[in-house]
């Protein structure tokens, strides 16, 4: 999937992902927010390991994805689980 969309792995995707999270996450149910954070975190893992494309952009995308996941998987949230 990443290879087929290599042209979309760019700085615009970073901004789009951040904007989507800021506008959408506050309106999601907690279970949906949790699931989305898992998917976005997994995407971050995949992009981090992805050997094609611009390495710097891939790492920035990975960091952005992990930062988004970290907004859901906070220390307090994990202690309550």
PDB file of N, CA and C in Angstrom:
ATOM      1  N   UNK A   1       0.816  -1.173   0.000  1.00  0.00           N
ATOM      2  CA  UNK A   1       0.000   0.000   0.000  1.00  0.00           C
ATOM      3  C   UNK A   1       0.875   1.258   0.000  1.00  0.00           C
ATOM      4  N   UNK A   2       1.911   1.284   0.828  1.00  0.00           N
ATOM      5  CA  UNK A   2       2.777   2.456   0.875  1.00  0.00           C
ATOM      6  C   UNK A   2       3.481   2.677  -0.456  1.00  0.00           C
ATOM      7  N   UNK A   3       3.977   1.592  -1.039  1.00  0.00           N
ATOM      8  CA  UNK A   3       4.682   1.715  -2.318  1.00  0.00           C
ATOM      9  C   UNK A   3       3.752   2.234  -3.410  1.00  0.00           C
ATOM     10  N   UNK A   4       2.516   1.789  -3.418  1.00  0.00           N
ATOM     11  CA  UNK A   4       1.559   2.227  -4.432  1.00  0.00           C
ATOM     12  C   UNK A   4       1.179   3.700  -4.263  1.00  0.00           C
ATOM     13  N   UNK A   5       1.398   4.242  -3.080  1.00  0.00           N
ATOM     14  CA  UNK A   5       1.048   5.636  -2.793  1.00  0.00           C
ATOM     15  C   UNK A   5       2.265   6.465  -2.417  1.00  0.00           C
ATOM     16  N   UNK A   6       3.396   6.103  -2.938  1.00  0.00           N
ATOM     17  CA  UNK A   6       4.657   6.760  -2.629  1.00  0.00           C
ATOM     18  C   UNK A   6       4.598   8.266  -2.860  1.00  0.00           C
ATOM     19  N   UNK A   7       3.880   8.670  -3.894  1.00  0.00           N
ATOM     20  CA  UNK A   7       3.777  10.097  -4.210  1.00  0.00           C
ATOM     21  C   UNK A   7       3.006  10.889  -3.153  1.00  0.00           C
ATOM     22  N   UNK A   8       2.275  10.207  -2.299  1.00  0.00           N
ATOM     23  CA  UNK A   8       1.475  10.878  -1.264  1.00  0.00           C
ATOM     24  C   UNK A   8       2.197  10.957   0.080  1.00  0.00           C
ATOM     25  N   UNK A   9       3.334  10.302   0.191  1.00  0.00           N
ATOM     26  CA  UNK A   9       4.117  10.353   1.422  1.00  0.00           C
ATOM     27  C   UNK A   9       4.972  11.610   1.384  1.00  0.00           C
ATOM     28  N   UNK A  10       4.384  12.706   1.816  1.00  0.00           N
ATOM     29  CA  UNK A  10       5.079  13.987   1.741  1.00  0.00           C
ATOM     30  C   UNK A  10       4.676  14.856   2.928  1.00  0.00           C
ATOM     31  N   UNK A  11       5.237  16.066   2.966  1.00  0.00           N
ATOM     32  CA  UNK A  11       4.962  16.980   4.071  1.00  0.00           C
ATOM     33  C   UNK A  11       3.479  17.337   4.149  1.00  0.00           C
ATOM     34  N   UNK A  12       2.789  17.335   3.031  1.00  0.00           N
ATOM     35  CA  UNK A  12       1.361  17.624   3.029  1.00  0.00           C
ATOM     36  C   UNK A  12       0.586  16.568   3.828  1.00  0.00           C
ATOM     37  N   UNK A  13       1.011  15.321   3.730  1.00  0.00           N
ATOM     38  CA  UNK A  13       0.346  14.253   4.478  1.00  0.00           C
ATOM     39  C   UNK A  13       0.544  14.451   5.981  1.00  0.00           C
ATOM     40  N   UNK A  14       1.706  14.924   6.380  1.00  0.00           N
ATOM     41  CA  UNK A  14       1.951  15.193   7.796  1.00  0.00           C
ATOM     42  C   UNK A  14       0.940  16.221   8.299  1.00  0.00           C
ATOM     43  N   UNK A  15       0.812  17.309   7.582  1.00  0.00           N
ATOM     44  CA  UNK A  15      -0.115  18.376   7.960  1.00  0.00           C
ATOM     45  C   UNK A  15      -1.561  17.879   7.940  1.00  0.00           C
ATOM     46  N   UNK A  16      -1.914  17.126   6.918  1.00  0.00           N
ATOM     47  CA  UNK A  16      -3.269  16.581   6.801  1.00  0.00           C
ATOM     48  C   UNK A  16      -3.593  15.675   7.983  1.00  0.00           C
ATOM     49  N   UNK A  17      -2.667  14.818   8.355  1.00  0.00           N
ATOM     50  CA  UNK A  17      -2.863  13.904   9.476  1.00  0.00           C
ATOM     51  C   UNK A  17      -3.021  14.680  10.782  1.00  0.00           C
ATOM     52  N   UNK A  18      -2.186  15.689  10.989  1.00  0.00           N
ATOM     53  CA  UNK A  18      -2.277  16.502  12.199  1.00  0.00           C
ATOM     54  C   UNK A  18      -3.586  17.280  12.244  1.00  0.00           C
ATOM     55  N   UNK A  19      -3.961  17.886  11.126  1.00  0.00           N
ATOM     56  CA  UNK A  19      -5.215  18.654  11.074  1.00  0.00           C
ATOM     57  C   UNK A  19      -6.419  17.752  11.297  1.00  0.00           C
ATOM     58  N   UNK A  20      -6.413  16.590  10.668  1.00  0.00           N
ATOM     59  CA  UNK A  20      -7.529  15.653  10.822  1.00  0.00           C
ATOM     60  C   UNK A  20      -7.671  15.251  12.286  1.00  0.00           C
ATOM     61  N   UNK A  21      -6.560  14.995  12.929  1.00  0.00           N
ATOM     62  CA  UNK A  21      -6.595  14.588  14.333  1.00  0.00           C
ATOM     63  C   UNK A  21      -7.147  15.704  15.215  1.00  0.00           C
ATOM     64  N   UNK A  22      -6.699  16.926  14.984  1.00  0.00           N
ATOM     65  CA  UNK A  22      -7.147  18.054  15.804  1.00  0.00           C
ATOM     66  C   UNK A  22      -8.648  18.320  15.644  1.00  0.00           C
ATOM     67  N   UNK A  23      -9.164  18.118  14.441  1.00  0.00           N
ATOM     68  CA  UNK A  23     -10.582  18.409  14.214  1.00  0.00           C
ATOM     69  C   UNK A  23     -11.488  17.222  14.509  1.00  0.00           C
ATOM     70  N   UNK A  24     -10.983  16.015  14.376  1.00  0.00           N
ATOM     71  CA  UNK A  24     -11.822  14.821  14.499  1.00  0.00           C
ATOM     72  C   UNK A  24     -11.745  14.148  15.860  1.00  0.00           C
ATOM     73  N   UNK A  25     -10.560  14.018  16.432  1.00  0.00           N
ATOM     74  CA  UNK A  25     -10.410  13.288  17.690  1.00  0.00           C
ATOM     75  C   UNK A  25     -11.314  13.792  18.810  1.00  0.00           C
ATOM     76  N   UNK A  26     -11.461  15.100  18.987  1.00  0.00           N
ATOM     77  CA  UNK A  26     -12.313  15.548  20.098  1.00  0.00           C
ATOM     78  C   UNK A  26     -13.767  15.092  19.994  1.00  0.00           C
ATOM     79  N   UNK A  27     -14.206  14.705  18.821  1.00  0.00           N
ATOM     80  CA  UNK A  27     -15.606  14.326  18.616  1.00  0.00           C
ATOM     81  C   UNK A  27     -15.830  12.809  18.580  1.00  0.00           C
ATOM     82  N   UNK A  28     -14.783  12.041  18.755  1.00  0.00           N
ATOM     83  CA  UNK A  28     -14.904  10.586  18.688  1.00  0.00           C
ATOM     84  C   UNK A  28     -15.215   9.995  20.057  1.00  0.00           C
ATOM     85  N   UNK A  29     -15.941   8.890  20.044  1.00  0.00           N
ATOM     86  CA  UNK A  29     -16.141   8.125  21.266  1.00  0.00           C
ATOM     87  C   UNK A  29     -14.786   7.565  21.690  1.00  0.00           C
ATOM     88  N   UNK A  30     -14.626   7.337  22.967  1.00  0.00           N
ATOM     89  CA  UNK A  30     -13.327   6.891  23.484  1.00  0.00           C
ATOM     90  C   UNK A  30     -12.843   5.591  22.846  1.00  0.00           C
ATOM     91  N   UNK A  31     -13.751   4.646  22.616  1.00  0.00           N
ATOM     92  CA  UNK A  31     -13.322   3.379  22.006  1.00  0.00           C
ATOM     93  C   UNK A  31     -12.863   3.582  20.562  1.00  0.00           C
ATOM     94  N   UNK A  32     -13.552   4.445  19.848  1.00  0.00           N
ATOM     95  CA  UNK A  32     -13.171   4.737  18.464  1.00  0.00           C
ATOM     96  C   UNK A  32     -11.847   5.496  18.449  1.00  0.00           C
ATOM     97  N   UNK A  33     -11.702   6.446  19.355  1.00  0.00           N
ATOM     98  CA  UNK A  33     -10.457   7.213  19.461  1.00  0.00           C
ATOM     99  C   UNK A  33      -9.282   6.265  19.745  1.00  0.00           C
ATOM    100  N   UNK A  34      -9.497   5.326  20.642  1.00  0.00           N
ATOM    101  CA  UNK A  34      -8.474   4.330  20.974  1.00  0.00           C
ATOM    102  C   UNK A  34      -8.095   3.527  19.737  1.00  0.00           C
ATOM    103  N   UNK A  35      -9.102   3.023  19.030  1.00  0.00           N
ATOM    104  CA  UNK A  35      -8.837   2.223  17.829  1.00  0.00           C
ATOM    105  C   UNK A  35      -8.092   3.033  16.772  1.00  0.00           C
ATOM    106  N   UNK A  36      -8.508   4.263  16.566  1.00  0.00           N
ATOM    107  CA  UNK A  36      -7.838   5.119  15.570  1.00  0.00           C
ATOM    108  C   UNK A  36      -6.391   5.379  15.972  1.00  0.00           C
ATOM    109  N   UNK A  37      -6.149   5.583  17.253  1.00  0.00           N
ATOM    110  CA  UNK A  37      -4.781   5.802  17.728  1.00  0.00           C
ATOM    111  C   UNK A  37      -3.920   4.566  17.487  1.00  0.00           C
ATOM    112  N   UNK A  38      -4.492   3.384  17.660  1.00  0.00           N
ATOM    113  CA  UNK A  38      -3.757   2.146  17.372  1.00  0.00           C
ATOM    114  C   UNK A  38      -3.407   2.079  15.888  1.00  0.00           C
ATOM    115  N   UNK A  39      -4.381   2.352  15.023  1.00  0.00           N
ATOM    116  CA  UNK A  39      -4.139   2.306  13.570  1.00  0.00           C
ATOM    117  C   UNK A  39      -3.096   3.331  13.150  1.00  0.00           C
ATOM    118  N   UNK A  40      -3.191   4.535  13.687  1.00  0.00           N
ATOM    119  CA  UNK A  40      -2.239   5.587  13.321  1.00  0.00           C
ATOM    120  C   UNK A  40      -0.851   5.247  13.855  1.00  0.00           C
ATOM    121  N   UNK A  41      -0.776   4.698  15.057  1.00  0.00           N
ATOM    122  CA  UNK A  41       0.517   4.258  15.601  1.00  0.00           C
ATOM    123  C   UNK A  41       1.135   3.150  14.766  1.00  0.00           C
ATOM    124  N   UNK A  42       0.303   2.214  14.334  1.00  0.00           N
ATOM    125  CA  UNK A  42       0.798   1.138  13.461  1.00  0.00           C
ATOM    126  C   UNK A  42       1.279   1.689  12.128  1.00  0.00           C
ATOM    127  N   UNK A  43       0.567   2.664  11.590  1.00  0.00           N
ATOM    128  CA  UNK A  43       1.004   3.316  10.360  1.00  0.00           C
ATOM    129  C   UNK A  43       2.373   3.965  10.576  1.00  0.00           C
ATOM    130  N   UNK A  44       2.539   4.607  11.723  1.00  0.00           N
ATOM    131  CA  UNK A  44       3.836   5.201  12.053  1.00  0.00           C
ATOM    132  C   UNK A  44       4.949   4.170  12.076  1.00  0.00           C
ATOM    133  N   UNK A  45       4.673   2.997  12.628  1.00  0.00           N
ATOM    134  CA  UNK A  45       5.669   1.924  12.643  1.00  0.00           C
ATOM    135  C   UNK A  45       6.021   1.473  11.233  1.00  0.00           C
ATOM    136  N   UNK A  46       4.998   1.310  10.399  1.00  0.00           N
ATOM    137  CA  UNK A  46       5.233   0.862   9.024  1.00  0.00           C
ATOM    138  C   UNK A  46       6.024   1.890   8.219  1.00  0.00           C
ATOM    139  N   UNK A  47       5.671   3.153   8.356  1.00  0.00           N
ATOM    140  CA  UNK A  47       6.372   4.199   7.612  1.00  0.00           C
ATOM    141  C   UNK A  47       7.811   4.320   8.089  1.00  0.00           C
ATOM    142  N   UNK A  48       8.031   4.151   9.381  1.00  0.00           N
ATOM    143  CA  UNK A  48       9.390   4.232   9.921  1.00  0.00           C
ATOM    144  C   UNK A  48      10.293   3.170   9.278  1.00  0.00           C
ATOM    145  N   UNK A  49       9.751   2.010   9.003  1.00  0.00           N
ATOM    146  CA  UNK A  49      10.522   0.907   8.441  1.00  0.00           C
ATOM    147  C   UNK A  49      10.505   0.870   6.916  1.00  0.00           C
ATOM    148  N   UNK A  50       9.719   1.740   6.300  1.00  0.00           N
ATOM    149  CA  UNK A  50       9.534   1.719   4.850  1.00  0.00           C
ATOM    150  C   UNK A  50      10.828   2.150   4.158  1.00  0.00           C
ATOM    151  N   UNK A  51      11.374   1.293   3.284  1.00  0.00           N
ATOM    152  CA  UNK A  51      12.683   1.578   2.687  1.00  0.00           C
ATOM    153  C   UNK A  51      12.651   2.523   1.480  1.00  0.00           C
ATOM    154  N   UNK A  52      11.478   2.812   0.947  1.00  0.00           N
ATOM    155  CA  UNK A  52      11.393   3.637  -0.257  1.00  0.00           C
ATOM    156  C   UNK A  52      11.006   5.067   0.089  1.00  0.00           C
ATOM    157  N   UNK A  53      11.134   5.940  -0.876  1.00  0.00           N
ATOM    158  CA  UNK A  53      10.743   7.329  -0.696  1.00  0.00           C
ATOM    159  C   UNK A  53      11.805   8.136   0.016  1.00  0.00           C
ATOM    160  N   UNK A  54      11.407   9.298   0.475  1.00  0.00           N
ATOM    161  CA  UNK A  54      12.297  10.226   1.161  1.00  0.00           C
ATOM    162  C   UNK A  54      12.402   9.819   2.623  1.00  0.00           C
ATOM    163  N   UNK A  55      13.575   9.426   3.048  1.00  0.00           N
ATOM    164  CA  UNK A  55      13.774   8.922   4.413  1.00  0.00           C
ATOM    165  C   UNK A  55      13.382   9.968   5.468  1.00  0.00           C
ATOM    166  N   UNK A  56      13.758  11.218   5.238  1.00  0.00           N
ATOM    167  CA  UNK A  56      13.443  12.274   6.203  1.00  0.00           C
ATOM    168  C   UNK A  56      11.936  12.455   6.332  1.00  0.00           C
ATOM    169  N   UNK A  57      11.236  12.478   5.223  1.00  0.00           N
ATOM    170  CA  UNK A  57       9.770  12.614   5.254  1.00  0.00           C
ATOM    171  C   UNK A  57       9.151  11.401   5.936  1.00  0.00           C
ATOM    172  N   UNK A  58       9.644  10.213   5.627  1.00  0.00           N
ATOM    173  CA  UNK A  58       9.123   9.004   6.266  1.00  0.00           C
ATOM    174  C   UNK A  58       9.271   9.087   7.778  1.00  0.00           C
ATOM    175  N   UNK A  59      10.425   9.555   8.240  1.00  0.00           N
ATOM    176  CA  UNK A  59      10.633   9.666   9.681  1.00  0.00           C
ATOM    177  C   UNK A  59       9.741  10.742  10.296  1.00  0.00           C
ATOM    178  N   UNK A  60       9.565  11.857   9.599  1.00  0.00           N
ATOM    179  CA  UNK A  60       8.666  12.909  10.089  1.00  0.00           C
ATOM    180  C   UNK A  60       7.227  12.403  10.161  1.00  0.00           C
ATOM    181  N   UNK A  61       6.809  11.638   9.166  1.00  0.00           N
ATOM    182  CA  UNK A  61       5.464  11.038   9.194  1.00  0.00           C
ATOM    183  C   UNK A  61       5.329  10.076  10.364  1.00  0.00           C
ATOM    184  N   UNK A  62       6.349   9.282  10.583  1.00  0.00           N
ATOM    185  CA  UNK A  62       6.333   8.330  11.682  1.00  0.00           C
ATOM    186  C   UNK A  62       6.244   9.054  13.023  1.00  0.00           C
ATOM    187  N   UNK A  63       7.031  10.107  13.181  1.00  0.00           N
ATOM    188  CA  UNK A  63       6.998  10.878  14.422  1.00  0.00           C
ATOM    189  C   UNK A  63       5.621  11.500  14.628  1.00  0.00           C
ATOM    190  N   UNK A  64       5.059  12.068  13.573  1.00  0.00           N
ATOM    191  CA  UNK A  64       3.725  12.676  13.671  1.00  0.00           C
ATOM    192  C   UNK A  64       2.693  11.630  14.080  1.00  0.00           C
ATOM    193  N   UNK A  65       2.755  10.462  13.476  1.00  0.00           N
ATOM    194  CA  UNK A  65       1.807   9.393  13.806  1.00  0.00           C
ATOM    195  C   UNK A  65       1.956   8.959  15.257  1.00  0.00           C
ATOM    196  N   UNK A  66       3.178   8.813  15.713  1.00  0.00           N
ATOM    197  CA  UNK A  66       3.397   8.405  17.103  1.00  0.00           C
ATOM    198  C   UNK A  66       2.982   9.500  18.084  1.00  0.00           C
ATOM    199  N   UNK A  67       3.183  10.748  17.721  1.00  0.00           N
ATOM    200  CA  UNK A  67       2.729  11.849  18.572  1.00  0.00           C
ATOM    201  C   UNK A  67       1.210  11.855  18.698  1.00  0.00           C
ATOM    202  N   UNK A  68       0.541  11.560  17.616  1.00  0.00           N
ATOM    203  CA  UNK A  68      -0.928  11.479  17.651  1.00  0.00           C
ATOM    204  C   UNK A  68      -1.367  10.337  18.556  1.00  0.00           C
ATOM    205  N   UNK A  69      -0.753   9.179  18.391  1.00  0.00           N
ATOM    206  CA  UNK A  69      -1.102   8.032  19.239  1.00  0.00           C
ATOM    207  C   UNK A  69      -0.836   8.353  20.713  1.00  0.00           C
ATOM    208  N   UNK A  70       0.209   9.102  20.968  1.00  0.00           N
ATOM    209  CA  UNK A  70       0.567   9.447  22.349  1.00  0.00           C
ATOM    210  C   UNK A  70      -0.455  10.371  23.003  1.00  0.00           C
ATOM    211  N   UNK A  71      -1.275  11.054  22.204  1.00  0.00           N
ATOM    212  CA  UNK A  71      -2.318  11.897  22.803  1.00  0.00           C
ATOM    213  C   UNK A  71      -3.421  11.041  23.412  1.00  0.00           C
ATOM    214  N   UNK A  72      -3.548   9.816  22.951  1.00  0.00           N
ATOM    215  CA  UNK A  72      -4.555   8.887  23.481  1.00  0.00           C
ATOM    216  C   UNK A  72      -3.944   7.986  24.543  1.00  0.00           C
ATOM    217  N   UNK A  73      -2.760   7.487  24.278  1.00  0.00           N
ATOM    218  CA  UNK A  73      -2.097   6.563  25.197  1.00  0.00           C
ATOM    219  C   UNK A  73      -1.197   7.334  26.160  1.00  0.00           C
ATOM    220  N   UNK A  74      -1.825   8.133  26.985  1.00  0.00           N
ATOM    221  CA  UNK A  74      -1.098   8.917  27.970  1.00  0.00           C
ATOM    222  C   UNK A  74      -0.772   8.055  29.176  1.00  0.00           C
ATOM    223  N   UNK A  75       0.099   8.556  30.009  1.00  0.00           N
ATOM    224  CA  UNK A  75       0.455   7.843  31.239  1.00  0.00           C
ATOM    225  C   UNK A  75      -0.790   7.627  32.089  1.00  0.00           C
ATOM    226  N   UNK A  76      -1.584   8.665  32.248  1.00  0.00           N
ATOM    227  CA  UNK A  76      -2.805   8.554  33.063  1.00  0.00           C
ATOM    228  C   UNK A  76      -3.770   7.526  32.497  1.00  0.00           C
ATOM    229  N   UNK A  77      -3.931   7.524  31.176  1.00  0.00           N
ATOM    230  CA  UNK A  77      -4.854   6.579  30.538  1.00  0.00           C
ATOM    231  C   UNK A  77      -4.367   5.146  30.752  1.00  0.00           C
ATOM    232  N   UNK A  78      -3.065   4.949  30.665  1.00  0.00           N
ATOM    233  CA  UNK A  78      -2.526   3.598  30.864  1.00  0.00           C
ATOM    234  C   UNK A  78      -2.632   3.145  32.315  1.00  0.00           C
ATOM    235  N   UNK A  79      -2.505   4.077  33.247  1.00  0.00           N
ATOM    236  CA  UNK A  79      -2.644   3.719  34.673  1.00  0.00           C
ATOM    237  C   UNK A  79      -4.085   3.364  35.020  1.00  0.00           C
ATOM    238  N   UNK A  80      -5.045   3.938  34.308  1.00  0.00           N
ATOM    239  CA  UNK A  80      -6.459   3.651  34.551  1.00  0.00           C
ATOM    240  C   UNK A  80      -6.899   2.338  33.923  1.00  0.00           C
ATOM    241  N   UNK A  81      -6.131   1.835  32.982  1.00  0.00           N
ATOM    242  CA  UNK A  81      -6.507   0.598  32.261  1.00  0.00           C
ATOM    243  C   UNK A  81      -6.322  -0.635  33.109  1.00  0.00           C
TER     244      UNK A  81
END
